[in-house]
Amino acid sequence: MKKLALILSCATTLAAPLAFAQTKWDLPTGYATNTFQTENVQQFADDVAKATGGKLKITVHAGASLYKMPEIKRAVQSGQTQAGEFILSAYANENPLFGVDSIPFLATSYGAAQKLYTASKPATEKLLADQGLKLLFSVPWPGQSLYSIKPMKTLDDFKGTKMRAYNPATTRIAQLVKAQPVTIQLAELGQALATGAVDNFLTSSASGVDSKLYEQTKFFYIVNAWLPRNATVVNKKAFDALDKATQDAVVAAGKAAEERGWASSRAKDMAYIKDLTKNGMTTGLASDEVRDGLNKIGDTMTEDWIKSAGPDGKAIIDAYRKL
């Protein structure tokens, strides 16, 4: 009996590590815990843990606590971390295809943004795969719309105004509407408004609420210049190391996160616009004349983008326009 008990004890000891074998992934993001994007990523991680019975545990590191935002993509590529989330257009200088979702006035609604995503997804997935990454899901932020300290009824109302710019695209927009581009980061925008350094700018409804821009601007025009998307990716070697059932669980959770994230973004946008109205801003669609003028600017900037992106870029725009 003692011999049998010893054998059983050894067998139990050897089996224990196998029974509790667990794969752990880190998933850094540059966004705060309370943003809808991070909440969605956390739900994805929770769904994976539940679907795999704890076999795969993904720890989300929010607020750039593990890696700074510009470092996340490289960290996943190099295998320093298994997964990560970042805004795709931040890497447009690396490859123009990463910036397709941020071509101004090309896709100006959630429906159009979804079509553009559908048209560009195969090329984006291939581009990421060539870099050793697998796309799990991609979710847009609310559209970039127009804030102004005075009414903007026609395109002529932009002439001579000081328009905030924070990247090459917004600088180009300011130039095309004959405004003066002024480089101002979001954190400095409140002070710039207070000192009269800026008259109008493009940013999301979320920024307007979070930064209390309604305190100094009175007009919010819904133009949805572009809906930039975040991407959550995994290192392909880390994904390939999983067994088939776990891979399937990750893919399924990613699909659910994408659907949930798009719905959440749309709902948040509507809620933020209501908050802007509640705080005294005049909100609504821009006039037909302003929208037509901005759409023409979009045509110009789309052609500029196609030239920089080459045949792959042209194929994406052609496919988008057919949807």
C-alpha atoms as a PDB file:
ATOM      1  CA  MET A   1       0.000   0.000   0.000  1.00  0.00           C
ATOM      2  CA  LYS A   2       2.835   2.395   0.883  1.00  0.00           C
ATOM      3  CA  LYS A   3       4.452   1.684  -2.479  1.00  0.00           C
ATOM      4  CA  LEU A   4       1.154   2.368  -4.309  1.00  0.00           C
ATOM      5  CA  ALA A   5       0.625   5.601  -2.381  1.00  0.00           C
ATOM      6  CA  LEU A   6       4.150   6.725  -3.306  1.00  0.00           C
ATOM      7  CA  ILE A   7       3.520   5.996  -6.995  1.00  0.00           C
ATOM      8  CA  LEU A   8       0.212   7.892  -6.928  1.00  0.00           C
ATOM      9  CA  SER A   9       1.874  10.813  -5.147  1.00  0.00           C
ATOM     10  CA  CYS A  10       4.618  11.031  -7.760  1.00  0.00           C
ATOM     11  CA  ALA A  11       2.098  10.795 -10.593  1.00  0.00           C
ATOM     12  CA  THR A  12       0.048  13.625  -9.095  1.00  0.00           C
ATOM     13  CA  THR A  13       3.161  15.776  -8.693  1.00  0.00           C
ATOM     14  CA  LEU A  14       4.178  15.225 -12.310  1.00  0.00           C
ATOM     15  CA  ALA A  15       0.669  15.881 -13.638  1.00  0.00           C
ATOM     16  CA  ALA A  16       0.121  19.103 -11.700  1.00  0.00           C
ATOM     17  CA  PRO A  17       2.239  21.369 -13.922  1.00  0.00           C
ATOM     18  CA  LEU A  18       0.482  19.988 -17.012  1.00  0.00           C
ATOM     19  CA  ALA A  19      -2.961  20.548 -15.538  1.00  0.00           C
ATOM     20  CA  PHE A  20      -2.168  24.171 -14.750  1.00  0.00           C
ATOM     21  CA  ALA A  21       0.006  24.956 -17.792  1.00  0.00           C
ATOM     22  CA  GLN A  22      -0.743  28.525 -18.807  1.00  0.00           C
ATOM     23  CA  THR A  23       0.506  30.769 -21.593  1.00  0.00           C
ATOM     24  CA  LYS A  24       0.855  34.429 -20.626  1.00  0.00           C
ATOM     25  CA  TRP A  25       0.811  37.360 -23.010  1.00  0.00           C
ATOM     26  CA  ASP A  26       1.373  41.054 -22.335  1.00  0.00           C
ATOM     27  CA  LEU A  27      -0.665  43.559 -24.348  1.00  0.00           C
ATOM     28  CA  PRO A  28       0.455  47.201 -23.980  1.00  0.00           C
ATOM     29  CA  THR A  29      -1.635  50.150 -25.156  1.00  0.00           C
ATOM     30  CA  GLY A  30      -0.915  53.862 -25.001  1.00  0.00           C
ATOM     31  CA  TYR A  31      -4.464  54.793 -24.035  1.00  0.00           C
ATOM     32  CA  ALA A  32      -5.947  55.332 -20.573  1.00  0.00           C
ATOM     33  CA  THR A  33      -7.900  52.626 -18.793  1.00  0.00           C
ATOM     34  CA  ASN A  34     -11.206  54.504 -19.036  1.00  0.00           C
ATOM     35  CA  THR A  35     -11.182  55.028 -22.825  1.00  0.00           C
ATOM     36  CA  PHE A  36     -13.646  52.878 -24.758  1.00  0.00           C
ATOM     37  CA  GLN A  37     -10.770  51.482 -26.825  1.00  0.00           C
ATOM     38  CA  THR A  38      -8.924  50.172 -23.750  1.00  0.00           C
ATOM     39  CA  GLU A  39     -12.139  48.881 -22.188  1.00  0.00           C
ATOM     40  CA  ASN A  40     -12.753  46.953 -25.398  1.00  0.00           C
ATOM     41  CA  VAL A  41      -9.232  45.490 -25.398  1.00  0.00           C
ATOM     42  CA  GLN A  42      -9.676  44.439 -21.767  1.00  0.00           C
ATOM     43  CA  GLN A  43     -12.961  42.712 -22.643  1.00  0.00           C
ATOM     44  CA  PHE A  44     -11.126  40.887 -25.442  1.00  0.00           C
ATOM     45  CA  ALA A  45      -8.524  39.655 -22.937  1.00  0.00           C
ATOM     46  CA  ASP A  46     -11.265  38.545 -20.540  1.00  0.00           C
ATOM     47  CA  ASP A  47     -13.096  36.724 -23.341  1.00  0.00           C
ATOM     48  CA  VAL A  48      -9.926  34.857 -24.321  1.00  0.00           C
ATOM     49  CA  ALA A  49      -9.306  33.764 -20.723  1.00  0.00           C
ATOM     50  CA  LYS A  50     -12.882  32.513 -20.416  1.00  0.00           C
ATOM     51  CA  ALA A  51     -12.929  30.726 -23.778  1.00  0.00           C
ATOM     52  CA  THR A  52      -9.635  28.937 -23.074  1.00  0.00           C
ATOM     53  CA  GLY A  53     -10.442  28.097 -19.457  1.00  0.00           C
ATOM     54  CA  GLY A  54      -7.505  30.237 -18.350  1.00  0.00           C
ATOM     55  CA  LYS A  55      -5.071  28.460 -20.656  1.00  0.00           C
ATOM     56  CA  LEU A  56      -4.141  31.787 -22.273  1.00  0.00           C
ATOM     57  CA  LYS A  57      -3.948  34.814 -19.988  1.00  0.00           C
ATOM     58  CA  ILE A  58      -3.524  38.238 -21.596  1.00  0.00           C
ATOM     59  CA  THR A  59      -2.510  41.115 -19.317  1.00  0.00           C
ATOM     60  CA  VAL A  60      -3.453  44.552 -20.658  1.00  0.00           C
ATOM     61  CA  HIS A  61      -1.010  47.350 -19.737  1.00  0.00           C
ATOM     62  CA  ALA A  62      -2.879  50.646 -20.259  1.00  0.00           C
ATOM     63  CA  GLY A  63      -1.681  54.250 -20.327  1.00  0.00           C
ATOM     64  CA  ALA A  64       1.741  53.522 -21.873  1.00  0.00           C
ATOM     65  CA  SER A  65       2.718  51.842 -18.600  1.00  0.00           C
ATOM     66  CA  LEU A  66       4.727  49.067 -20.290  1.00  0.00           C
ATOM     67  CA  TYR A  67       5.842  50.803 -23.501  1.00  0.00           C
ATOM     68  CA  LYS A  68       5.339  54.331 -24.764  1.00  0.00           C
ATOM     69  CA  MET A  69       2.852  54.551 -27.613  1.00  0.00           C
ATOM     70  CA  PRO A  70       5.431  54.975 -30.438  1.00  0.00           C
ATOM     71  CA  GLU A  71       7.341  51.928 -29.129  1.00  0.00           C
ATOM     72  CA  ILE A  72       4.482  49.418 -29.024  1.00  0.00           C
ATOM     73  CA  LYS A  73       4.449  48.245 -32.648  1.00  0.00           C
ATOM     74  CA  ARG A  74       8.203  47.665 -32.669  1.00  0.00           C
ATOM     75  CA  ALA A  75       8.019  45.837 -29.329  1.00  0.00           C
ATOM     76  CA  VAL A  76       5.476  43.370 -30.758  1.00  0.00           C
ATOM     77  CA  GLN A  77       7.477  42.929 -33.971  1.00  0.00           C
ATOM     78  CA  SER A  78      10.650  42.138 -32.029  1.00  0.00           C
ATOM     79  CA  GLY A  79       8.884  39.755 -29.647  1.00  0.00           C
ATOM     80  CA  GLN A  80       9.565  41.905 -26.570  1.00  0.00           C
ATOM     81  CA  THR A  81       5.832  41.700 -25.969  1.00  0.00           C
ATOM     82  CA  GLN A  82       3.395  39.245 -27.508  1.00  0.00           C
ATOM     83  CA  ALA A  83       0.598  41.641 -28.466  1.00  0.00           C
ATOM     84  CA  GLY A  84      -0.187  45.349 -28.526  1.00  0.00           C
ATOM     85  CA  GLU A  85      -2.550  48.122 -29.610  1.00  0.00           C
ATOM     86  CA  PHE A  86      -1.656  51.284 -31.551  1.00  0.00           C
ATOM     87  CA  ILE A  87      -3.182  53.806 -33.961  1.00  0.00           C
ATOM     88  CA  LEU A  88      -2.407  52.721 -37.513  1.00  0.00           C
ATOM     89  CA  SER A  89      -1.998  56.163 -39.058  1.00  0.00           C
ATOM     90  CA  ALA A  90       0.930  56.887 -36.740  1.00  0.00           C
ATOM     91  CA  TYR A  91       2.968  54.670 -39.090  1.00  0.00           C
ATOM     92  CA  ALA A  92       1.932  56.323 -42.377  1.00  0.00           C
ATOM     93  CA  ASN A  93       5.496  57.615 -42.820  1.00  0.00           C
ATOM     94  CA  GLU A  94       6.680  53.996 -42.632  1.00  0.00           C
ATOM     95  CA  ASN A  95       4.187  52.964 -45.314  1.00  0.00           C
ATOM     96  CA  PRO A  96       1.332  55.099 -46.747  1.00  0.00           C
ATOM     97  CA  LEU A  97      -1.046  52.110 -46.520  1.00  0.00           C
ATOM     98  CA  PHE A  98      -1.062  52.535 -42.739  1.00  0.00           C
ATOM     99  CA  GLY A  99      -2.651  55.962 -43.278  1.00  0.00           C
ATOM    100  CA  VAL A 100      -5.512  55.014 -45.594  1.00  0.00           C
ATOM    101  CA  ASP A 101      -8.096  55.477 -42.826  1.00  0.00           C
ATOM    102  CA  SER A 102      -6.901  59.064 -42.283  1.00  0.00           C
ATOM    103  CA  ILE A 103      -7.189  60.449 -45.809  1.00  0.00           C
ATOM    104  CA  PRO A 104      -9.205  63.633 -45.181  1.00  0.00           C
ATOM    105  CA  PHE A 105     -12.826  63.718 -46.357  1.00  0.00           C
ATOM    106  CA  LEU A 106     -12.659  60.345 -48.101  1.00  0.00           C
ATOM    107  CA  ALA A 107     -14.765  58.286 -45.669  1.00  0.00           C
ATOM    108  CA  THR A 108     -16.920  60.682 -43.657  1.00  0.00           C
ATOM    109  CA  SER A 109     -19.317  58.362 -41.806  1.00  0.00           C
ATOM    110  CA  TYR A 110     -19.144  55.096 -39.902  1.00  0.00           C
ATOM    111  CA  GLY A 111     -20.711  53.313 -42.873  1.00  0.00           C
ATOM    112  CA  ALA A 112     -18.140  54.713 -45.286  1.00  0.00           C
ATOM    113  CA  ALA A 113     -15.313  54.030 -42.820  1.00  0.00           C
ATOM    114  CA  GLN A 114     -16.461  50.396 -42.608  1.00  0.00           C
ATOM    115  CA  LYS A 115     -16.360  50.107 -46.405  1.00  0.00           C
ATOM    116  CA  LEU A 116     -12.887  51.634 -46.500  1.00  0.00           C
ATOM    117  CA  TYR A 117     -11.760  49.160 -43.854  1.00  0.00           C
ATOM    118  CA  THR A 118     -13.206  46.275 -45.876  1.00  0.00           C
ATOM    119  CA  ALA A 119     -11.417  47.483 -49.006  1.00  0.00           C
ATOM    120  CA  SER A 120      -8.078  48.036 -47.275  1.00  0.00           C
ATOM    121  CA  LYS A 121      -8.039  45.113 -44.830  1.00  0.00           C
ATOM    122  CA  PRO A 122      -6.376  42.503 -47.103  1.00  0.00           C
ATOM    123  CA  ALA A 123      -3.503  44.866 -47.925  1.00  0.00           C
ATOM    124  CA  THR A 124      -3.153  45.917 -44.284  1.00  0.00           C
ATOM    125  CA  GLU A 125      -3.092  42.299 -43.117  1.00  0.00           C
ATOM    126  CA  LYS A 126      -0.442  41.438 -45.716  1.00  0.00           C
ATOM    127  CA  LEU A 127       1.665  44.453 -44.758  1.00  0.00           C
ATOM    128  CA  LEU A 128       1.509  43.517 -41.079  1.00  0.00           C
ATOM    129  CA  ALA A 129       2.181  39.830 -41.854  1.00  0.00           C
ATOM    130  CA  ASP A 130       5.316  40.819 -43.760  1.00  0.00           C
ATOM    131  CA  GLN A 131       6.441  42.475 -40.512  1.00  0.00           C
ATOM    132  CA  GLY A 132       5.714  39.360 -38.440  1.00  0.00           C
ATOM    133  CA  LEU A 133       2.388  40.613 -37.089  1.00  0.00           C
ATOM    134  CA  LYS A 134      -1.161  39.256 -37.198  1.00  0.00           C
ATOM    135  CA  LEU A 135      -4.113  41.658 -37.079  1.00  0.00           C
ATOM    136  CA  LEU A 136      -6.649  40.622 -34.435  1.00  0.00           C
ATOM    137  CA  PHE A 137      -9.083  43.532 -34.687  1.00  0.00           C
ATOM    138  CA  SER A 138      -9.315  47.211 -35.627  1.00  0.00           C
ATOM    139  CA  VAL A 139     -11.677  49.834 -34.174  1.00  0.00           C
ATOM    140  CA  PRO A 140     -12.202  53.504 -35.184  1.00  0.00           C
ATOM    141  CA  TRP A 141     -12.209  56.586 -33.028  1.00  0.00           C
ATOM    142  CA  PRO A 142     -15.077  59.055 -33.548  1.00  0.00           C
ATOM    143  CA  GLY A 143     -14.647  61.204 -36.639  1.00  0.00           C
ATOM    144  CA  GLN A 144     -12.601  64.382 -36.708  1.00  0.00           C
ATOM    145  CA  SER A 145     -15.043  67.301 -36.907  1.00  0.00           C
ATOM    146  CA  LEU A 146     -14.835  71.098 -37.089  1.00  0.00           C
ATOM    147  CA  TYR A 147     -14.731  73.375 -34.039  1.00  0.00           C
ATOM    148  CA  SER A 148     -14.869  77.155 -34.467  1.00  0.00           C
ATOM    149  CA  ILE A 149     -15.126  80.283 -32.352  1.00  0.00           C
ATOM    150  CA  LYS A 150     -17.428  81.829 -34.989  1.00  0.00           C
ATOM    151  CA  PRO A 151     -20.009  80.523 -37.490  1.00  0.00           C
ATOM    152  CA  MET A 152     -18.561  78.853 -40.595  1.00  0.00           C
ATOM    153  CA  LYS A 153     -21.237  79.028 -43.285  1.00  0.00           C
ATOM    154  CA  THR A 154     -19.101  79.019 -46.431  1.00  0.00           C
ATOM    155  CA  LEU A 155     -15.600  77.976 -47.391  1.00  0.00           C
ATOM    156  CA  ASP A 156     -14.700  81.666 -47.660  1.00  0.00           C
ATOM    157  CA  ASP A 157     -15.158  81.926 -43.875  1.00  0.00           C
ATOM    158  CA  PHE A 158     -11.895  79.988 -43.467  1.00  0.00           C
ATOM    159  CA  LYS A 159      -9.835  82.573 -45.370  1.00  0.00           C
ATOM    160  CA  GLY A 160      -7.301  84.300 -43.148  1.00  0.00           C
ATOM    161  CA  THR A 161      -8.330  82.450 -39.994  1.00  0.00           C
ATOM    162  CA  LYS A 162      -5.800  80.689 -37.779  1.00  0.00           C
ATOM    163  CA  MET A 163      -6.404  76.942 -38.122  1.00  0.00           C
ATOM    164  CA  ARG A 164      -4.784  74.441 -35.801  1.00  0.00           C
ATOM    165  CA  ALA A 165      -2.452  71.946 -37.462  1.00  0.00           C
ATOM    166  CA  TYR A 166      -0.744  68.974 -35.815  1.00  0.00           C
ATOM    167  CA  ASN A 167       0.450  66.857 -38.732  1.00  0.00           C
ATOM    168  CA  PRO A 168       1.137  67.215 -42.480  1.00  0.00           C
ATOM    169  CA  ALA A 169      -2.492  66.435 -43.410  1.00  0.00           C
ATOM    170  CA  THR A 170      -4.014  69.133 -41.198  1.00  0.00           C
ATOM    171  CA  THR A 171      -1.404  71.631 -42.400  1.00  0.00           C
ATOM    172  CA  ARG A 172      -2.363  70.821 -45.995  1.00  0.00           C
ATOM    173  CA  ILE A 173      -6.088  71.238 -45.218  1.00  0.00           C
ATOM    174  CA  ALA A 174      -5.442  74.678 -43.709  1.00  0.00           C
ATOM    175  CA  GLN A 175      -3.505  75.708 -46.799  1.00  0.00           C
ATOM    176  CA  LEU A 176      -6.235  74.480 -49.163  1.00  0.00           C
ATOM    177  CA  VAL A 177      -8.976  76.447 -47.333  1.00  0.00           C
ATOM    178  CA  LYS A 178      -6.627  79.492 -47.365  1.00  0.00           C
ATOM    179  CA  ALA A 179      -6.303  79.574 -43.584  1.00  0.00           C
ATOM    180  CA  GLN A 180      -3.080  80.072 -41.666  1.00  0.00           C
ATOM    181  CA  PRO A 181      -1.872  76.744 -40.206  1.00  0.00           C
ATOM    182  CA  VAL A 182      -0.756  77.036 -36.584  1.00  0.00           C
ATOM    183  CA  THR A 183       1.005  74.026 -35.028  1.00  0.00           C
ATOM    184  CA  ILE A 184      -0.660  73.293 -31.677  1.00  0.00           C
ATOM    185  CA  GLN A 185      -0.867  69.983 -29.815  1.00  0.00           C
ATOM    186  CA  LEU A 186      -4.112  68.981 -28.115  1.00  0.00           C
ATOM    187  CA  ALA A 187      -2.765  69.598 -24.611  1.00  0.00           C
ATOM    188  CA  GLU A 188      -1.986  73.203 -25.565  1.00  0.00           C
ATOM    189  CA  LEU A 189      -5.242  73.904 -27.404  1.00  0.00           C
ATOM    190  CA  GLY A 190      -7.154  75.415 -24.470  1.00  0.00           C
ATOM    191  CA  GLN A 191      -4.426  77.981 -23.837  1.00  0.00           C
ATOM    192  CA  ALA A 192      -4.161  78.759 -27.555  1.00  0.00           C
ATOM    193  CA  LEU A 193      -7.898  79.462 -27.707  1.00  0.00           C
ATOM    194  CA  ALA A 194      -7.707  81.641 -24.608  1.00  0.00           C
ATOM    195  CA  THR A 195      -4.974  83.808 -26.152  1.00  0.00           C
ATOM    196  CA  GLY A 196      -6.548  84.010 -29.616  1.00  0.00           C
ATOM    197  CA  ALA A 197      -3.795  81.961 -31.234  1.00  0.00           C
ATOM    198  CA  VAL A 198      -6.325  79.725 -33.031  1.00  0.00           C
ATOM    199  CA  ASP A 199      -9.802  80.228 -34.498  1.00  0.00           C
ATOM    200  CA  ASN A 200     -10.832  76.772 -35.698  1.00  0.00           C
ATOM    201  CA  PHE A 201      -9.611  73.183 -35.812  1.00  0.00           C
ATOM    202  CA  LEU A 202     -10.461  69.563 -36.524  1.00  0.00           C
ATOM    203  CA  THR A 203     -10.683  67.064 -33.690  1.00  0.00           C
ATOM    204  CA  SER A 204     -13.106  64.466 -32.356  1.00  0.00           C
ATOM    205  CA  SER A 205     -16.204  64.935 -30.213  1.00  0.00           C
ATOM    206  CA  ALA A 206     -14.358  62.985 -27.524  1.00  0.00           C
ATOM    207  CA  SER A 207     -11.532  65.550 -27.415  1.00  0.00           C
ATOM    208  CA  GLY A 208     -14.066  68.348 -27.145  1.00  0.00           C
ATOM    209  CA  VAL A 209     -15.562  66.838 -24.011  1.00  0.00           C
ATOM    210  CA  ASP A 210     -12.368  65.514 -22.427  1.00  0.00           C
ATOM    211  CA  SER A 211     -10.491  68.795 -22.932  1.00  0.00           C
ATOM    212  CA  LYS A 212     -13.555  71.003 -22.233  1.00  0.00           C
ATOM    213  CA  LEU A 213     -13.125  72.780 -25.548  1.00  0.00           C
ATOM    214  CA  TYR A 214     -16.753  73.887 -25.265  1.00  0.00           C
ATOM    215  CA  GLU A 215     -15.595  76.512 -22.781  1.00  0.00           C
ATOM    216  CA  GLN A 216     -13.947  78.551 -25.564  1.00  0.00           C
ATOM    217  CA  THR A 217     -15.492  77.393 -28.846  1.00  0.00           C
ATOM    218  CA  LYS A 218     -19.182  77.795 -29.585  1.00  0.00           C
ATOM    219  CA  PHE A 219     -19.670  75.947 -32.878  1.00  0.00           C
ATOM    220  CA  PHE A 220     -19.233  72.246 -33.635  1.00  0.00           C
ATOM    221  CA  TYR A 221     -19.834  71.120 -37.215  1.00  0.00           C
ATOM    222  CA  ILE A 222     -20.074  67.403 -37.925  1.00  0.00           C
ATOM    223  CA  VAL A 223     -17.843  66.753 -40.933  1.00  0.00           C
ATOM    224  CA  ASN A 224     -16.142  63.489 -39.844  1.00  0.00           C
ATOM    225  CA  ALA A 225     -13.049  64.386 -41.858  1.00  0.00           C
ATOM    226  CA  TRP A 226     -11.674  60.921 -41.108  1.00  0.00           C
ATOM    227  CA  LEU A 227     -12.212  58.132 -38.575  1.00  0.00           C
ATOM    228  CA  PRO A 228      -8.729  56.944 -37.533  1.00  0.00           C
ATOM    229  CA  ARG A 229      -8.506  53.315 -36.444  1.00  0.00           C
ATOM    230  CA  ASN A 230      -6.566  51.539 -33.727  1.00  0.00           C
ATOM    231  CA  ALA A 231      -5.235  48.061 -34.423  1.00  0.00           C
ATOM    232  CA  THR A 232      -4.667  45.263 -31.938  1.00  0.00           C
ATOM    233  CA  VAL A 233      -2.032  42.852 -33.212  1.00  0.00           C
ATOM    234  CA  VAL A 234      -0.115  39.798 -32.049  1.00  0.00           C
ATOM    235  CA  ASN A 235       3.394  38.627 -32.838  1.00  0.00           C
ATOM    236  CA  LYS A 236       2.891  35.894 -35.448  1.00  0.00           C
ATOM    237  CA  LYS A 237       5.378  33.511 -33.810  1.00  0.00           C
ATOM    238  CA  ALA A 238       3.549  33.836 -30.488  1.00  0.00           C
ATOM    239  CA  PHE A 239       0.229  33.138 -32.212  1.00  0.00           C
ATOM    240  CA  ASP A 240       1.605  30.173 -34.172  1.00  0.00           C
ATOM    241  CA  ALA A 241       2.921  28.658 -30.930  1.00  0.00           C
ATOM    242  CA  LEU A 242      -0.639  28.251 -29.631  1.00  0.00           C
ATOM    243  CA  ASP A 243      -2.605  25.054 -30.175  1.00  0.00           C
ATOM    244  CA  LYS A 244      -5.427  25.172 -32.756  1.00  0.00           C
ATOM    245  CA  ALA A 245      -8.250  25.446 -30.200  1.00  0.00           C
ATOM    246  CA  THR A 246      -6.587  28.397 -28.479  1.00  0.00           C
ATOM    247  CA  GLN A 247      -5.865  30.096 -31.822  1.00  0.00           C
ATOM    248  CA  ASP A 248      -9.541  29.735 -32.742  1.00  0.00           C
ATOM    249  CA  ALA A 249     -10.565  31.250 -29.395  1.00  0.00           C
ATOM    250  CA  VAL A 250      -8.283  34.262 -29.942  1.00  0.00           C
ATOM    251  CA  VAL A 251      -9.606  34.843 -33.471  1.00  0.00           C
ATOM    252  CA  ALA A 252     -13.226  34.544 -32.306  1.00  0.00           C
ATOM    253  CA  ALA A 253     -12.639  36.960 -29.413  1.00  0.00           C
ATOM    254  CA  GLY A 254     -10.970  39.383 -31.835  1.00  0.00           C
ATOM    255  CA  LYS A 255     -13.952  39.275 -34.185  1.00  0.00           C
ATOM    256  CA  ALA A 256     -16.320  39.974 -31.290  1.00  0.00           C
ATOM    257  CA  ALA A 257     -14.091  42.835 -30.077  1.00  0.00           C
ATOM    258  CA  GLU A 258     -14.139  44.426 -33.520  1.00  0.00           C
ATOM    259  CA  GLU A 259     -17.936  44.335 -33.768  1.00  0.00           C
ATOM    260  CA  ARG A 260     -18.350  45.578 -30.195  1.00  0.00           C
ATOM    261  CA  GLY A 261     -15.737  48.314 -30.673  1.00  0.00           C
ATOM    262  CA  TRP A 262     -17.346  49.775 -33.784  1.00  0.00           C
ATOM    263  CA  ALA A 263     -20.738  49.885 -32.047  1.00  0.00           C
ATOM    264  CA  SER A 264     -19.197  51.473 -28.954  1.00  0.00           C
ATOM    265  CA  SER A 265     -17.371  54.127 -30.985  1.00  0.00           C
ATOM    266  CA  ARG A 266     -20.590  55.140 -32.731  1.00  0.00           C
ATOM    267  CA  ALA A 267     -22.514  55.279 -29.441  1.00  0.00           C
ATOM    268  CA  LYS A 268     -19.765  57.263 -27.714  1.00  0.00           C
ATOM    269  CA  ASP A 269     -19.669  59.785 -30.569  1.00  0.00           C
ATOM    270  CA  MET A 270     -23.404  60.445 -30.222  1.00  0.00           C
ATOM    271  CA  ALA A 271     -23.085  60.779 -26.445  1.00  0.00           C
ATOM    272  CA  TYR A 272     -20.143  63.188 -26.723  1.00  0.00           C
ATOM    273  CA  ILE A 273     -22.011  65.400 -29.207  1.00  0.00           C
ATOM    274  CA  LYS A 274     -24.945  65.545 -26.775  1.00  0.00           C
ATOM    275  CA  ASP A 275     -22.493  66.614 -24.064  1.00  0.00           C
ATOM    276  CA  LEU A 276     -21.144  69.397 -26.281  1.00  0.00           C
ATOM    277  CA  THR A 277     -24.697  70.624 -26.890  1.00  0.00           C
ATOM    278  CA  LYS A 278     -25.513  70.401 -23.189  1.00  0.00           C
ATOM    279  CA  ASN A 279     -22.478  72.575 -22.463  1.00  0.00           C
ATOM    280  CA  GLY A 280     -23.664  75.399 -24.698  1.00  0.00           C
ATOM    281  CA  MET A 281     -22.214  74.603 -28.108  1.00  0.00           C
ATOM    282  CA  THR A 282     -24.201  74.914 -31.323  1.00  0.00           C
ATOM    283  CA  THR A 283     -23.840  71.469 -32.915  1.00  0.00           C
ATOM    284  CA  GLY A 284     -24.970  70.011 -36.216  1.00  0.00           C
ATOM    285  CA  LEU A 285     -23.962  69.268 -39.790  1.00  0.00           C
ATOM    286  CA  ALA A 286     -21.846  71.767 -41.671  1.00  0.00           C
ATOM    287  CA  SER A 287     -23.604  73.644 -44.480  1.00  0.00           C
ATOM    288  CA  ASP A 288     -23.853  72.049 -47.919  1.00  0.00           C
ATOM    289  CA  GLU A 289     -21.387  74.622 -49.266  1.00  0.00           C
ATOM    290  CA  VAL A 290     -18.791  73.865 -46.590  1.00  0.00           C
ATOM    291  CA  ARG A 291     -19.213  70.111 -47.001  1.00  0.00           C
ATOM    292  CA  ASP A 292     -18.951  70.347 -50.803  1.00  0.00           C
ATOM    293  CA  GLY A 293     -15.793  72.434 -50.504  1.00  0.00           C
ATOM    294  CA  LEU A 294     -14.213  70.054 -48.024  1.00  0.00           C
ATOM    295  CA  ASN A 295     -15.122  67.066 -50.210  1.00  0.00           C
ATOM    296  CA  LYS A 296     -13.265  68.676 -53.119  1.00  0.00           C
ATOM    297  CA  ILE A 297     -10.253  69.079 -50.842  1.00  0.00           C
ATOM    298  CA  GLY A 298     -10.664  65.398 -49.996  1.00  0.00           C
ATOM    299  CA  ASP A 299     -10.518  64.524 -53.705  1.00  0.00           C
ATOM    300  CA  THR A 300      -7.234  66.427 -54.027  1.00  0.00           C
ATOM    301  CA  MET A 301      -5.702  64.796 -50.954  1.00  0.00           C
ATOM    302  CA  THR A 302      -6.912  61.342 -52.009  1.00  0.00           C
ATOM    303  CA  GLU A 303      -5.096  61.728 -55.326  1.00  0.00           C
ATOM    304  CA  ASP A 304      -1.998  62.864 -53.425  1.00  0.00           C
ATOM    305  CA  TRP A 305      -2.231  59.747 -51.251  1.00  0.00           C
ATOM    306  CA  ILE A 306      -2.646  57.431 -54.247  1.00  0.00           C
ATOM    307  CA  LYS A 307       0.531  58.867 -55.776  1.00  0.00           C
ATOM    308  CA  SER A 308       2.450  58.145 -52.579  1.00  0.00           C
ATOM    309  CA  ALA A 309       0.917  54.686 -52.030  1.00  0.00           C
ATOM    310  CA  GLY A 310       1.317  53.486 -55.618  1.00  0.00           C
ATOM    311  CA  PRO A 311      -0.620  50.617 -57.270  1.00  0.00           C
ATOM    312  CA  ASP A 312      -1.657  49.032 -53.948  1.00  0.00           C
ATOM    313  CA  GLY A 313      -3.140  52.333 -52.836  1.00  0.00           C
ATOM    314  CA  LYS A 314      -5.005  52.833 -56.099  1.00  0.00           C
ATOM    315  CA  ALA A 315      -6.425  49.306 -55.858  1.00  0.00           C
ATOM    316  CA  ILE A 316      -7.760  50.043 -52.362  1.00  0.00           C
ATOM    317  CA  ILE A 317      -9.457  53.306 -53.403  1.00  0.00           C
ATOM    318  CA  ASP A 318     -10.916  51.656 -56.524  1.00  0.00           C
ATOM    319  CA  ALA A 319     -12.313  48.783 -54.430  1.00  0.00           C
ATOM    320  CA  TYR A 320     -13.704  51.234 -51.843  1.00  0.00           C
ATOM    321  CA  ARG A 321     -15.524  53.266 -54.488  1.00  0.00           C
ATOM    322  CA  LYS A 322     -17.167  50.121 -55.859  1.00  0.00           C
ATOM    323  CA  LEU A 323     -18.609  49.086 -52.460  1.00  0.00           C
END
